[in-house]
Amino acid sequence: MAFQPPYSPSLFRKRDTASGASVVAIDNKIEQAMDLVKNHLMYAVREEVEILKEQIRELVEKNSQLERENTLLKTLASPEQLEKFQSRLSPEEPVPESPRAPEAPDGSAV
């Protein structure tokens, strides 16, 4: 007769097939719970991504609007106003070149 350790897996299976079935049932319930958690997290992440995409769209739109306003204001500003504004900027910020305001036939800026 061959020696078999008292707690070998084959001995466990032979001794307690009913508990083996309950282990499988517990494993199935754990797997179902994990799937439920995964599905819930995926849904929450998708929802958050949609919210963030909408915020990005709004911010891009607002940024474009502010850039247009900035360009218009620079176009309409007098050279003295631009110089005064540029002197207030911190030295770390680069100042983009602003286009000169087109002049009307009477010599005034448009």
N, C-alpha and C. Protein backbone atom coordinates (compact mmCIF):
# COMPACT_ATOMS: atom_id res chain seq x y z
N MET A 1 0.83 -1.17 0.00
CA MET A 1 0.00 0.00 0.00
C MET A 1 0.88 1.24 0.00
N ALA A 2 0.58 2.19 -0.91
CA ALA A 2 1.37 3.41 -1.05
C ALA A 2 0.95 4.41 0.02
N PHE A 3 1.94 5.16 0.47
CA PHE A 3 1.67 6.18 1.50
C PHE A 3 0.98 7.37 0.86
N GLN A 4 -0.08 7.83 1.49
CA GLN A 4 -0.80 9.00 1.00
C GLN A 4 -0.89 9.99 2.16
N PRO A 5 -0.44 11.24 1.94
CA PRO A 5 -0.55 12.22 3.03
C PRO A 5 -2.01 12.42 3.39
N PRO A 6 -2.31 12.69 4.66
CA PRO A 6 -3.70 12.79 5.11
C PRO A 6 -4.49 13.92 4.46
N TYR A 7 -3.83 14.95 3.94
CA TYR A 7 -4.55 16.09 3.38
C TYR A 7 -4.28 16.30 1.90
N SER A 8 -4.06 15.24 1.18
CA SER A 8 -3.82 15.38 -0.25
C SER A 8 -5.11 15.81 -0.94
N PRO A 9 -5.02 16.54 -2.04
CA PRO A 9 -6.22 16.99 -2.75
C PRO A 9 -7.13 15.84 -3.17
N SER A 10 -6.54 14.72 -3.60
CA SER A 10 -7.40 13.61 -4.03
C SER A 10 -8.16 13.02 -2.85
N LEU A 11 -7.54 12.96 -1.70
CA LEU A 11 -8.22 12.45 -0.51
C LEU A 11 -9.34 13.39 -0.10
N PHE A 12 -9.07 14.71 -0.20
CA PHE A 12 -10.08 15.72 0.16
C PHE A 12 -11.30 15.57 -0.74
N ARG A 13 -11.07 15.41 -2.04
CA ARG A 13 -12.16 15.26 -2.98
C ARG A 13 -12.96 13.99 -2.71
N LYS A 14 -12.28 12.93 -2.37
CA LYS A 14 -12.97 11.67 -2.09
C LYS A 14 -13.80 11.77 -0.82
N ARG A 15 -13.30 12.43 0.18
CA ARG A 15 -13.96 12.48 1.47
C ARG A 15 -15.16 13.40 1.49
N ASP A 16 -15.12 14.51 0.68
CA ASP A 16 -16.15 15.53 0.85
C ASP A 16 -16.60 16.09 -0.49
N THR A 17 -17.30 15.30 -1.26
CA THR A 17 -17.78 15.78 -2.56
C THR A 17 -18.89 16.81 -2.40
N ALA A 18 -19.64 16.76 -1.34
CA ALA A 18 -20.70 17.74 -1.10
C ALA A 18 -20.11 19.12 -0.85
N SER A 19 -19.06 19.18 -0.06
CA SER A 19 -18.45 20.49 0.18
C SER A 19 -17.73 20.98 -1.07
N GLY A 20 -17.28 20.07 -1.92
CA GLY A 20 -16.68 20.46 -3.20
C GLY A 20 -17.70 21.19 -4.05
N ALA A 21 -18.92 20.74 -4.06
CA ALA A 21 -19.98 21.40 -4.82
C ALA A 21 -20.27 22.77 -4.23
N SER A 22 -20.24 22.89 -2.92
CA SER A 22 -20.50 24.19 -2.31
C SER A 22 -19.35 25.17 -2.57
N VAL A 23 -18.13 24.63 -2.68
CA VAL A 23 -16.98 25.49 -3.02
C VAL A 23 -17.17 26.05 -4.42
N VAL A 24 -17.61 25.21 -5.34
CA VAL A 24 -17.86 25.67 -6.71
C VAL A 24 -18.97 26.72 -6.71
N ALA A 25 -20.02 26.49 -5.93
CA ALA A 25 -21.11 27.46 -5.85
C ALA A 25 -20.62 28.79 -5.29
N ILE A 26 -19.78 28.72 -4.26
CA ILE A 26 -19.22 29.95 -3.67
C ILE A 26 -18.34 30.65 -4.69
N ASP A 27 -17.52 29.88 -5.40
CA ASP A 27 -16.66 30.48 -6.45
C ASP A 27 -17.52 31.18 -7.51
N ASN A 28 -18.61 30.56 -7.89
CA ASN A 28 -19.50 31.16 -8.89
C ASN A 28 -20.10 32.47 -8.37
N LYS A 29 -20.52 32.46 -7.11
CA LYS A 29 -21.09 33.68 -6.53
C LYS A 29 -20.05 34.79 -6.44
N ILE A 30 -18.82 34.43 -6.07
CA ILE A 30 -17.73 35.41 -6.01
C ILE A 30 -17.48 35.98 -7.40
N GLU A 31 -17.45 35.12 -8.41
CA GLU A 31 -17.23 35.57 -9.79
C GLU A 31 -18.36 36.50 -10.24
N GLN A 32 -19.60 36.16 -9.90
CA GLN A 32 -20.73 37.02 -10.26
C GLN A 32 -20.63 38.37 -9.57
N ALA A 33 -20.24 38.36 -8.29
CA ALA A 33 -20.09 39.62 -7.55
C ALA A 33 -18.98 40.47 -8.17
N MET A 34 -17.88 39.83 -8.54
CA MET A 34 -16.78 40.57 -9.17
C MET A 34 -17.21 41.14 -10.51
N ASP A 35 -17.96 40.39 -11.29
CA ASP A 35 -18.48 40.89 -12.57
C ASP A 35 -19.40 42.09 -12.35
N LEU A 36 -20.23 41.99 -11.32
CA LEU A 36 -21.13 43.10 -11.00
C LEU A 36 -20.36 44.36 -10.63
N VAL A 37 -19.33 44.19 -9.79
CA VAL A 37 -18.49 45.33 -9.40
C VAL A 37 -17.79 45.90 -10.62
N LYS A 38 -17.25 45.03 -11.47
CA LYS A 38 -16.55 45.48 -12.68
C LYS A 38 -17.50 46.26 -13.59
N ASN A 39 -18.70 45.73 -13.78
CA ASN A 39 -19.68 46.42 -14.63
C ASN A 39 -20.06 47.78 -14.05
N HIS A 40 -20.23 47.83 -12.74
CA HIS A 40 -20.57 49.09 -12.09
C HIS A 40 -19.44 50.11 -12.25
N LEU A 41 -18.22 49.66 -12.03
CA LEU A 41 -17.08 50.57 -12.18
C LEU A 41 -16.92 51.06 -13.62
N MET A 42 -17.11 50.16 -14.58
CA MET A 42 -17.01 50.55 -15.99
C MET A 42 -18.08 51.58 -16.33
N TYR A 43 -19.28 51.37 -15.84
CA TYR A 43 -20.36 52.33 -16.07
C TYR A 43 -20.01 53.68 -15.47
N ALA A 44 -19.52 53.68 -14.23
CA ALA A 44 -19.16 54.94 -13.56
C ALA A 44 -18.03 55.65 -14.29
N VAL A 45 -17.06 54.89 -14.76
CA VAL A 45 -15.93 55.49 -15.49
C VAL A 45 -16.41 56.09 -16.81
N ARG A 46 -17.27 55.36 -17.54
CA ARG A 46 -17.79 55.89 -18.81
C ARG A 46 -18.58 57.18 -18.58
N GLU A 47 -19.37 57.18 -17.51
CA GLU A 47 -20.15 58.37 -17.20
C GLU A 47 -19.23 59.56 -16.89
N GLU A 48 -18.20 59.31 -16.11
CA GLU A 48 -17.24 60.38 -15.77
C GLU A 48 -16.50 60.86 -17.01
N VAL A 49 -16.14 59.94 -17.90
CA VAL A 49 -15.46 60.32 -19.14
C VAL A 49 -16.35 61.23 -19.99
N GLU A 50 -17.62 60.90 -20.07
CA GLU A 50 -18.55 61.74 -20.84
C GLU A 50 -18.66 63.14 -20.23
N ILE A 51 -18.72 63.21 -18.92
CA ILE A 51 -18.78 64.52 -18.24
C ILE A 51 -17.52 65.32 -18.54
N LEU A 52 -16.36 64.67 -18.45
CA LEU A 52 -15.09 65.36 -18.71
C LEU A 52 -14.97 65.78 -20.18
N LYS A 53 -15.45 64.95 -21.10
CA LYS A 53 -15.43 65.34 -22.52
C LYS A 53 -16.27 66.59 -22.75
N GLU A 54 -17.43 66.65 -22.11
CA GLU A 54 -18.29 67.82 -22.25
C GLU A 54 -17.61 69.06 -21.67
N GLN A 55 -16.97 68.91 -20.52
CA GLN A 55 -16.25 70.05 -19.92
C GLN A 55 -15.12 70.50 -20.83
N ILE A 56 -14.42 69.57 -21.45
CA ILE A 56 -13.34 69.92 -22.37
C ILE A 56 -13.90 70.68 -23.57
N ARG A 57 -15.02 70.20 -24.13
CA ARG A 57 -15.64 70.91 -25.26
C ARG A 57 -15.99 72.34 -24.86
N GLU A 58 -16.60 72.50 -23.67
CA GLU A 58 -16.98 73.84 -23.22
C GLU A 58 -15.75 74.73 -23.02
N LEU A 59 -14.68 74.17 -22.46
CA LEU A 59 -13.47 74.96 -22.23
C LEU A 59 -12.79 75.34 -23.54
N VAL A 60 -12.79 74.43 -24.51
CA VAL A 60 -12.20 74.74 -25.82
C VAL A 60 -12.99 75.86 -26.48
N GLU A 61 -14.31 75.78 -26.39
CA GLU A 61 -15.16 76.82 -26.97
C GLU A 61 -14.91 78.17 -26.28
N LYS A 62 -14.86 78.16 -24.96
CA LYS A 62 -14.61 79.39 -24.20
C LYS A 62 -13.24 79.96 -24.53
N ASN A 63 -12.24 79.08 -24.65
CA ASN A 63 -10.88 79.52 -24.99
C ASN A 63 -10.86 80.18 -26.37
N SER A 64 -11.55 79.59 -27.33
CA SER A 64 -11.60 80.16 -28.68
C SER A 64 -12.25 81.54 -28.65
N GLN A 65 -13.34 81.63 -27.89
CA GLN A 65 -14.04 82.91 -27.77
C GLN A 65 -13.11 83.97 -27.15
N LEU A 66 -12.41 83.61 -26.10
CA LEU A 66 -11.51 84.56 -25.44
C LEU A 66 -10.34 84.95 -26.35
N GLU A 67 -9.85 83.99 -27.14
CA GLU A 67 -8.77 84.32 -28.08
C GLU A 67 -9.26 85.31 -29.13
N ARG A 68 -10.50 85.10 -29.63
CA ARG A 68 -11.05 86.05 -30.61
C ARG A 68 -11.20 87.44 -29.99
N GLU A 69 -11.73 87.49 -28.76
CA GLU A 69 -11.90 88.77 -28.08
C GLU A 69 -10.54 89.44 -27.86
N ASN A 70 -9.55 88.65 -27.46
CA ASN A 70 -8.22 89.19 -27.22
C ASN A 70 -7.64 89.79 -28.50
N THR A 71 -7.78 89.06 -29.60
CA THR A 71 -7.28 89.56 -30.88
C THR A 71 -7.98 90.86 -31.27
N LEU A 72 -9.29 90.90 -31.09
CA LEU A 72 -10.06 92.10 -31.42
C LEU A 72 -9.61 93.27 -30.55
N LEU A 73 -9.48 93.02 -29.25
CA LEU A 73 -9.06 94.10 -28.36
C LEU A 73 -7.66 94.61 -28.69
N LYS A 74 -6.77 93.70 -29.05
CA LYS A 74 -5.41 94.13 -29.44
C LYS A 74 -5.45 94.94 -30.72
N THR A 75 -6.36 94.56 -31.62
CA THR A 75 -6.49 95.29 -32.88
C THR A 75 -7.02 96.69 -32.64
N LEU A 76 -7.96 96.82 -31.70
CA LEU A 76 -8.59 98.12 -31.45
C LEU A 76 -7.81 99.00 -30.49
N ALA A 77 -6.86 98.43 -29.77
CA ALA A 77 -6.11 99.20 -28.77
C ALA A 77 -5.11 100.12 -29.46
N SER A 78 -4.90 101.26 -28.85
CA SER A 78 -3.89 102.20 -29.37
C SER A 78 -2.50 101.69 -28.98
N PRO A 79 -1.47 102.14 -29.68
CA PRO A 79 -0.10 101.72 -29.33
C PRO A 79 0.24 102.06 -27.87
N GLU A 80 -0.27 103.19 -27.37
CA GLU A 80 0.00 103.56 -25.98
C GLU A 80 -0.65 102.57 -25.01
N GLN A 81 -1.87 102.16 -25.32
CA GLN A 81 -2.57 101.19 -24.47
C GLN A 81 -1.84 99.85 -24.49
N LEU A 82 -1.40 99.42 -25.66
CA LEU A 82 -0.67 98.16 -25.75
C LEU A 82 0.63 98.23 -24.97
N GLU A 83 1.34 99.34 -25.09
CA GLU A 83 2.60 99.50 -24.37
C GLU A 83 2.37 99.47 -22.86
N LYS A 84 1.32 100.15 -22.41
CA LYS A 84 0.99 100.16 -20.98
C LYS A 84 0.64 98.75 -20.50
N PHE A 85 -0.13 98.03 -21.30
CA PHE A 85 -0.51 96.67 -20.95
C PHE A 85 0.71 95.75 -20.90
N GLN A 86 1.57 95.85 -21.90
CA GLN A 86 2.76 94.99 -21.95
C GLN A 86 3.70 95.27 -20.79
N SER A 87 3.75 96.51 -20.33
CA SER A 87 4.63 96.83 -19.21
C SER A 87 4.12 96.21 -17.91
N ARG A 88 2.83 95.90 -17.85
CA ARG A 88 2.25 95.28 -16.64
C ARG A 88 2.45 93.76 -16.61
N LEU A 89 2.74 93.17 -17.77
CA LEU A 89 2.94 91.72 -17.81
C LEU A 89 4.21 91.34 -17.08
N SER A 90 4.20 90.17 -16.48
CA SER A 90 5.41 89.71 -15.79
C SER A 90 6.48 89.38 -16.83
N PRO A 91 7.75 89.49 -16.47
CA PRO A 91 8.82 89.23 -17.43
C PRO A 91 8.87 87.79 -17.92
N GLU A 92 8.30 86.84 -17.13
CA GLU A 92 8.34 85.44 -17.55
C GLU A 92 7.40 85.17 -18.71
N GLU A 93 6.32 85.94 -18.83
CA GLU A 93 5.34 85.69 -19.88
C GLU A 93 5.80 86.30 -21.20
N PRO A 94 5.89 85.51 -22.25
CA PRO A 94 6.23 86.10 -23.55
C PRO A 94 5.03 86.88 -24.09
N VAL A 95 5.32 87.99 -24.68
CA VAL A 95 4.26 88.83 -25.22
C VAL A 95 4.19 88.61 -26.72
N PRO A 96 3.06 88.09 -27.22
CA PRO A 96 2.95 87.87 -28.66
C PRO A 96 2.84 89.21 -29.39
N GLU A 97 3.37 89.21 -30.59
CA GLU A 97 3.28 90.42 -31.40
C GLU A 97 1.82 90.66 -31.77
N SER A 98 1.37 91.87 -31.58
CA SER A 98 -0.01 92.17 -31.93
C SER A 98 -0.04 92.88 -33.28
N PRO A 99 -1.04 92.57 -34.08
CA PRO A 99 -1.14 93.25 -35.37
C PRO A 99 -1.54 94.71 -35.18
N ARG A 100 -1.05 95.54 -36.03
CA ARG A 100 -1.40 96.96 -35.98
C ARG A 100 -2.83 97.11 -36.44
N ALA A 101 -3.53 98.02 -35.81
CA ALA A 101 -4.92 98.28 -36.18
C ALA A 101 -4.93 98.95 -37.56
N PRO A 102 -5.80 98.47 -38.44
CA PRO A 102 -5.90 99.11 -39.76
C PRO A 102 -6.43 100.54 -39.61
N GLU A 103 -5.91 101.39 -40.44
CA GLU A 103 -6.35 102.79 -40.35
C GLU A 103 -7.46 103.06 -41.35
N ALA A 104 -8.40 103.85 -40.91
CA ALA A 104 -9.48 104.29 -41.78
C ALA A 104 -8.98 105.41 -42.68
N PRO A 105 -9.69 105.74 -43.74
CA PRO A 105 -9.23 106.80 -44.66
C PRO A 105 -9.01 108.15 -43.97
N ASP A 106 -9.72 108.41 -42.85
CA ASP A 106 -9.52 109.70 -42.18
C ASP A 106 -8.34 109.67 -41.22
N GLY A 107 -7.62 108.52 -41.15
CA GLY A 107 -6.42 108.44 -40.31
C GLY A 107 -6.67 107.85 -38.95
N SER A 108 -7.93 107.59 -38.58
CA SER A 108 -8.21 107.02 -37.27
C SER A 108 -8.16 105.50 -37.36
N ALA A 109 -7.89 104.88 -36.21
CA ALA A 109 -7.86 103.42 -36.18
C ALA A 109 -9.27 102.87 -36.23
N VAL A 110 -9.44 101.73 -36.88
CA VAL A 110 -10.77 101.12 -37.00
C VAL A 110 -10.99 100.15 -35.87
